[in-house]
Amino acid sequence: MSHSSRTPAAYLPTAKAFLEDLTQQIFPRKFRKNPFILAESIHAACLQGHSVLFTTAVEAINTLIAAQAQCRLKAELKKFLAPTLVIVDELGYLPIDKAGADLLFQIISGRYEKGSTVITTNLAYKNWPRIFNNDSTITSAVLDRLLHHAETVVIEGKSYRMKDKLTEE
């Protein structure tokens, strides 16, 4: 696992290489900086000829739960596995139950070495068991697949959304 101190703009020229290398990028949020801005920038750069899916973790899980209830899980899961790049935003912001953790694992496992994935999160890896309902087995399996080809980008600084509000006080 490598950590980077590059600025968000430094990632845009490398988006093509990122996609071709089937790399994983994980943006932990630290000190209130908004990693969504970086993920959104990569998303915009990749829209030039590449298939890209942007979703929140909870949205992906809810979509798959609904598909499972309608016996369409396999077809719906393909929508998360097919794009060149999938960006999963806000992993860890809301709790995920066992069923949700299992479904999210299917996305991550299915994309492993087949497509690039960007994940934004507000939690350090040591706290990821909380995301996955304190299931150490699934947490370990998810991290194993994500971190094998990953670059972790820790973003520090003031919140993008709060930047104007913080200077007014």
C-alpha atoms as a PDB file:
ATOM      1  CA  MET A   1       0.000   0.000   0.000  1.00  0.00           C
ATOM      2  CA  SER A   2       1.350   3.375  -0.884  1.00  0.00           C
ATOM      3  CA  HIS A   3       0.344   6.758   0.448  1.00  0.00           C
ATOM      4  CA  SER A   4       0.441   9.815  -1.743  1.00  0.00           C
ATOM      5  CA  SER A   5       0.605  13.515  -1.081  1.00  0.00           C
ATOM      6  CA  ARG A   6      -0.181  14.551  -4.669  1.00  0.00           C
ATOM      7  CA  THR A   7      -2.810  17.199  -5.180  1.00  0.00           C
ATOM      8  CA  PRO A   8      -6.157  16.308  -6.784  1.00  0.00           C
ATOM      9  CA  ALA A   9      -5.088  18.023 -10.013  1.00  0.00           C
ATOM     10  CA  ALA A  10      -2.073  15.693 -10.213  1.00  0.00           C
ATOM     11  CA  TYR A  11      -4.403  12.733 -10.698  1.00  0.00           C
ATOM     12  CA  LEU A  12      -6.191  14.012 -13.791  1.00  0.00           C
ATOM     13  CA  PRO A  13      -3.345  13.407 -16.282  1.00  0.00           C
ATOM     14  CA  THR A  14      -2.917   9.889 -14.912  1.00  0.00           C
ATOM     15  CA  ALA A  15      -6.582   8.889 -15.201  1.00  0.00           C
ATOM     16  CA  LYS A  16      -5.958   6.946 -18.418  1.00  0.00           C
ATOM     17  CA  ALA A  17      -3.049   5.003 -16.890  1.00  0.00           C
ATOM     18  CA  PHE A  18      -5.119   4.437 -13.764  1.00  0.00           C
ATOM     19  CA  LEU A  19      -7.854   2.807 -15.842  1.00  0.00           C
ATOM     20  CA  GLU A  20      -5.478   0.758 -17.970  1.00  0.00           C
ATOM     21  CA  ASP A  21      -3.649  -0.578 -14.898  1.00  0.00           C
ATOM     22  CA  LEU A  22      -6.916  -1.642 -13.178  1.00  0.00           C
ATOM     23  CA  THR A  23      -5.749   0.295 -10.154  1.00  0.00           C
ATOM     24  CA  GLN A  24      -7.753   0.891  -6.996  1.00  0.00           C
ATOM     25  CA  GLN A  25      -7.775   4.309  -5.357  1.00  0.00           C
ATOM     26  CA  ILE A  26      -8.964   4.847  -1.813  1.00  0.00           C
ATOM     27  CA  PHE A  27      -9.453   8.361  -0.498  1.00  0.00           C
ATOM     28  CA  PRO A  28      -9.768   8.425   3.282  1.00  0.00           C
ATOM     29  CA  ARG A  29     -11.176  11.699   4.521  1.00  0.00           C
ATOM     30  CA  LYS A  30      -8.967  13.242   7.144  1.00  0.00           C
ATOM     31  CA  PHE A  31      -9.378  16.584   8.832  1.00  0.00           C
ATOM     32  CA  ARG A  32     -12.697  17.316   7.099  1.00  0.00           C
ATOM     33  CA  LYS A  33     -11.361  17.660   3.524  1.00  0.00           C
ATOM     34  CA  ASN A  34     -13.893  16.445   0.995  1.00  0.00           C
ATOM     35  CA  PRO A  35     -12.531  13.539  -1.111  1.00  0.00           C
ATOM     36  CA  PHE A  36     -15.688  13.715  -3.237  1.00  0.00           C
ATOM     37  CA  ILE A  37     -14.110  16.587  -5.167  1.00  0.00           C
ATOM     38  CA  LEU A  38     -11.174  14.389  -6.171  1.00  0.00           C
ATOM     39  CA  ALA A  39     -13.381  11.448  -7.094  1.00  0.00           C
ATOM     40  CA  GLU A  40     -15.620  13.776  -9.100  1.00  0.00           C
ATOM     41  CA  SER A  41     -12.592  15.122 -10.987  1.00  0.00           C
ATOM     42  CA  ILE A  42     -11.469  11.633 -11.919  1.00  0.00           C
ATOM     43  CA  HIS A  43     -15.043  10.828 -12.905  1.00  0.00           C
ATOM     44  CA  ALA A  44     -15.167  13.834 -15.252  1.00  0.00           C
ATOM     45  CA  ALA A  45     -11.800  12.953 -16.796  1.00  0.00           C
ATOM     46  CA  CYS A  46     -12.811   9.364 -17.366  1.00  0.00           C
ATOM     47  CA  LEU A  47     -16.077  10.246 -19.057  1.00  0.00           C
ATOM     48  CA  GLN A  48     -14.021  10.903 -22.156  1.00  0.00           C
ATOM     49  CA  GLY A  49     -14.553   7.503 -23.730  1.00  0.00           C
ATOM     50  CA  HIS A  50     -14.639   5.238 -20.690  1.00  0.00           C
ATOM     51  CA  SER A  51     -17.653   3.699 -18.989  1.00  0.00           C
ATOM     52  CA  VAL A  52     -17.948   5.084 -15.478  1.00  0.00           C
ATOM     53  CA  LEU A  53     -20.436   4.470 -12.677  1.00  0.00           C
ATOM     54  CA  PHE A  54     -20.675   6.833  -9.715  1.00  0.00           C
ATOM     55  CA  THR A  55     -22.653   5.694  -6.663  1.00  0.00           C
ATOM     56  CA  THR A  56     -22.663   5.975  -2.922  1.00  0.00           C
ATOM     57  CA  ALA A  57     -22.064   2.802  -0.927  1.00  0.00           C
ATOM     58  CA  VAL A  58     -25.581   2.898   0.514  1.00  0.00           C
ATOM     59  CA  GLU A  59     -27.149   3.565  -2.903  1.00  0.00           C
ATOM     60  CA  ALA A  60     -25.335   0.552  -4.385  1.00  0.00           C
ATOM     61  CA  ILE A  61     -26.432  -1.673  -1.513  1.00  0.00           C
ATOM     62  CA  ASN A  62     -30.052  -0.484  -1.650  1.00  0.00           C
ATOM     63  CA  THR A  63     -30.130  -1.059  -5.412  1.00  0.00           C
ATOM     64  CA  LEU A  64     -28.841  -4.614  -4.993  1.00  0.00           C
ATOM     65  CA  ILE A  65     -31.208  -5.379  -2.088  1.00  0.00           C
ATOM     66  CA  ALA A  66     -34.170  -4.277  -4.220  1.00  0.00           C
ATOM     67  CA  ALA A  67     -32.913  -6.356  -7.158  1.00  0.00           C
ATOM     68  CA  GLN A  68     -32.445  -9.379  -4.909  1.00  0.00           C
ATOM     69  CA  ALA A  69     -36.045  -9.068  -3.683  1.00  0.00           C
ATOM     70  CA  GLN A  70     -37.188  -9.084  -7.320  1.00  0.00           C
ATOM     71  CA  CYS A  71     -34.914 -12.031  -8.279  1.00  0.00           C
ATOM     72  CA  ARG A  72     -32.783  -9.724 -10.481  1.00  0.00           C
ATOM     73  CA  LEU A  73     -29.589  -9.652  -8.418  1.00  0.00           C
ATOM     74  CA  LYS A  74     -27.312 -11.168 -11.059  1.00  0.00           C
ATOM     75  CA  ALA A  75     -28.482  -8.742 -13.749  1.00  0.00           C
ATOM     76  CA  GLU A  76     -28.212  -5.717 -11.447  1.00  0.00           C
ATOM     77  CA  LEU A  77     -24.789  -6.773 -10.165  1.00  0.00           C
ATOM     78  CA  LYS A  78     -23.508  -6.734 -13.763  1.00  0.00           C
ATOM     79  CA  LYS A  79     -24.212  -2.983 -13.854  1.00  0.00           C
ATOM     80  CA  PHE A  80     -21.592  -2.552 -11.126  1.00  0.00           C
ATOM     81  CA  LEU A  81     -19.084  -4.960 -12.672  1.00  0.00           C
ATOM     82  CA  ALA A  82     -19.154  -3.828 -16.315  1.00  0.00           C
ATOM     83  CA  PRO A  83     -17.874  -0.205 -16.207  1.00  0.00           C
ATOM     84  CA  THR A  84     -14.208   0.577 -16.706  1.00  0.00           C
ATOM     85  CA  LEU A  85     -14.355   2.603 -13.504  1.00  0.00           C
ATOM     86  CA  VAL A  86     -16.697   2.452 -10.515  1.00  0.00           C
ATOM     87  CA  ILE A  87     -16.576   5.218  -7.922  1.00  0.00           C
ATOM     88  CA  VAL A  88     -18.104   4.311  -4.559  1.00  0.00           C
ATOM     89  CA  ASP A  89     -18.556   7.411  -2.443  1.00  0.00           C
ATOM     90  CA  GLU A  90     -19.212   7.714   1.293  1.00  0.00           C
ATOM     91  CA  LEU A  91     -18.189   4.230   2.419  1.00  0.00           C
ATOM     92  CA  GLY A  92     -18.451   4.245   6.211  1.00  0.00           C
ATOM     93  CA  TYR A  93     -20.710   7.264   6.590  1.00  0.00           C
ATOM     94  CA  LEU A  94     -23.754   5.089   7.345  1.00  0.00           C
ATOM     95  CA  PRO A  95     -23.838   1.644   8.982  1.00  0.00           C
ATOM     96  CA  ILE A  96     -24.118  -1.416   6.758  1.00  0.00           C
ATOM     97  CA  ASP A  97     -25.812  -4.595   7.953  1.00  0.00           C
ATOM     98  CA  LYS A  98     -24.619  -8.142   7.154  1.00  0.00           C
ATOM     99  CA  ALA A  99     -26.712  -8.393   3.964  1.00  0.00           C
ATOM    100  CA  GLY A 100     -25.413  -5.025   2.762  1.00  0.00           C
ATOM    101  CA  ALA A 101     -21.819  -5.971   3.564  1.00  0.00           C
ATOM    102  CA  ASP A 102     -22.196  -9.208   1.605  1.00  0.00           C
ATOM    103  CA  LEU A 103     -23.599  -7.337  -1.415  1.00  0.00           C
ATOM    104  CA  LEU A 104     -20.883  -4.690  -1.342  1.00  0.00           C
ATOM    105  CA  PHE A 105     -18.306  -7.460  -1.129  1.00  0.00           C
ATOM    106  CA  GLN A 106     -19.764  -8.967  -4.313  1.00  0.00           C
ATOM    107  CA  ILE A 107     -19.122  -5.694  -6.139  1.00  0.00           C
ATOM    108  CA  ILE A 108     -15.555  -5.370  -4.857  1.00  0.00           C
ATOM    109  CA  SER A 109     -14.740  -9.033  -5.395  1.00  0.00           C
ATOM    110  CA  GLY A 110     -16.292  -9.055  -8.866  1.00  0.00           C
ATOM    111  CA  ARG A 111     -14.269  -6.001  -9.917  1.00  0.00           C
ATOM    112  CA  TYR A 112     -10.977  -7.309  -8.492  1.00  0.00           C
ATOM    113  CA  GLU A 113      -8.348  -7.252 -11.271  1.00  0.00           C
ATOM    114  CA  LYS A 114     -11.115  -6.608 -13.835  1.00  0.00           C
ATOM    115  CA  GLY A 115     -11.819  -2.902 -13.418  1.00  0.00           C
ATOM    116  CA  SER A 116     -10.647   0.202 -11.616  1.00  0.00           C
ATOM    117  CA  THR A 117     -12.390   1.287  -8.446  1.00  0.00           C
ATOM    118  CA  VAL A 118     -12.284   4.519  -6.465  1.00  0.00           C
ATOM    119  CA  ILE A 119     -13.602   4.539  -2.908  1.00  0.00           C
ATOM    120  CA  THR A 120     -14.032   7.559  -0.683  1.00  0.00           C
ATOM    121  CA  THR A 121     -14.313   7.004   3.053  1.00  0.00           C
ATOM    122  CA  ASN A 122     -14.089   8.877   6.326  1.00  0.00           C
ATOM    123  CA  LEU A 123     -12.517   5.966   8.209  1.00  0.00           C
ATOM    124  CA  ALA A 124      -8.992   4.618   8.528  1.00  0.00           C
ATOM    125  CA  TYR A 125      -8.560   0.972   7.532  1.00  0.00           C
ATOM    126  CA  LYS A 126      -8.252  -0.097  11.176  1.00  0.00           C
ATOM    127  CA  ASN A 127     -11.851   1.098  11.659  1.00  0.00           C
ATOM    128  CA  TRP A 128     -13.297  -0.676   8.624  1.00  0.00           C
ATOM    129  CA  PRO A 129     -14.748  -3.586  10.659  1.00  0.00           C
ATOM    130  CA  ARG A 130     -17.359  -1.047  11.841  1.00  0.00           C
ATOM    131  CA  ILE A 131     -18.387  -0.516   8.211  1.00  0.00           C
ATOM    132  CA  PHE A 132     -18.938  -4.225   7.682  1.00  0.00           C
ATOM    133  CA  ASN A 133     -21.021  -4.954  10.772  1.00  0.00           C
ATOM    134  CA  ASN A 134     -17.905  -5.927  12.779  1.00  0.00           C
ATOM    135  CA  ASP A 135     -17.407  -8.966  10.541  1.00  0.00           C
ATOM    136  CA  SER A 136     -13.633  -9.391  10.476  1.00  0.00           C
ATOM    137  CA  THR A 137     -13.775 -12.056   7.750  1.00  0.00           C
ATOM    138  CA  ILE A 138     -15.584  -9.917   5.188  1.00  0.00           C
ATOM    139  CA  THR A 139     -13.579  -6.824   6.207  1.00  0.00           C
ATOM    140  CA  SER A 140     -10.344  -8.702   5.647  1.00  0.00           C
ATOM    141  CA  ALA A 141     -11.543 -10.053   2.289  1.00  0.00           C
ATOM    142  CA  VAL A 142     -12.630  -6.585   1.105  1.00  0.00           C
ATOM    143  CA  LEU A 143      -9.356  -4.967   2.170  1.00  0.00           C
ATOM    144  CA  ASP A 144      -7.340  -7.793   0.619  1.00  0.00           C
ATOM    145  CA  ARG A 145      -8.923  -7.191  -2.796  1.00  0.00           C
ATOM    146  CA  LEU A 146      -8.871  -3.412  -2.578  1.00  0.00           C
ATOM    147  CA  LEU A 147      -5.366  -2.928  -1.246  1.00  0.00           C
ATOM    148  CA  HIS A 148      -3.616  -5.454  -3.501  1.00  0.00           C
ATOM    149  CA  HIS A 149      -3.310  -2.888  -6.324  1.00  0.00           C
ATOM    150  CA  ALA A 150      -4.271   0.232  -4.372  1.00  0.00           C
ATOM    151  CA  GLU A 151      -2.900   3.658  -3.833  1.00  0.00           C
ATOM    152  CA  THR A 152      -4.254   5.318  -0.715  1.00  0.00           C
ATOM    153  CA  VAL A 153      -4.572   9.070  -0.989  1.00  0.00           C
ATOM    154  CA  VAL A 154      -5.033  10.790   2.370  1.00  0.00           C
ATOM    155  CA  ILE A 155      -6.542  14.214   1.880  1.00  0.00           C
ATOM    156  CA  GLU A 156      -5.972  16.777   4.591  1.00  0.00           C
ATOM    157  CA  GLY A 157      -7.335  20.283   4.906  1.00  0.00           C
ATOM    158  CA  LYS A 158     -10.497  22.214   5.527  1.00  0.00           C
ATOM    159  CA  SER A 159     -13.809  20.940   4.266  1.00  0.00           C
ATOM    160  CA  TYR A 160     -14.566  22.069   0.708  1.00  0.00           C
ATOM    161  CA  ARG A 161     -18.231  22.642   1.562  1.00  0.00           C
ATOM    162  CA  MET A 162     -17.399  24.537   4.744  1.00  0.00           C
ATOM    163  CA  LYS A 163     -14.516  26.632   3.383  1.00  0.00           C
ATOM    164  CA  ASP A 164     -16.561  29.847   3.106  1.00  0.00           C
ATOM    165  CA  LYS A 165     -18.403  29.303   6.391  1.00  0.00           C
ATOM    166  CA  LEU A 166     -15.223  28.720   8.392  1.00  0.00           C
ATOM    167  CA  THR A 167     -13.692  32.017   7.266  1.00  0.00           C
ATOM    168  CA  GLU A 168     -16.816  33.991   8.255  1.00  0.00           C
ATOM    169  CA  GLU A 169     -16.509  33.063  11.946  1.00  0.00           C
END
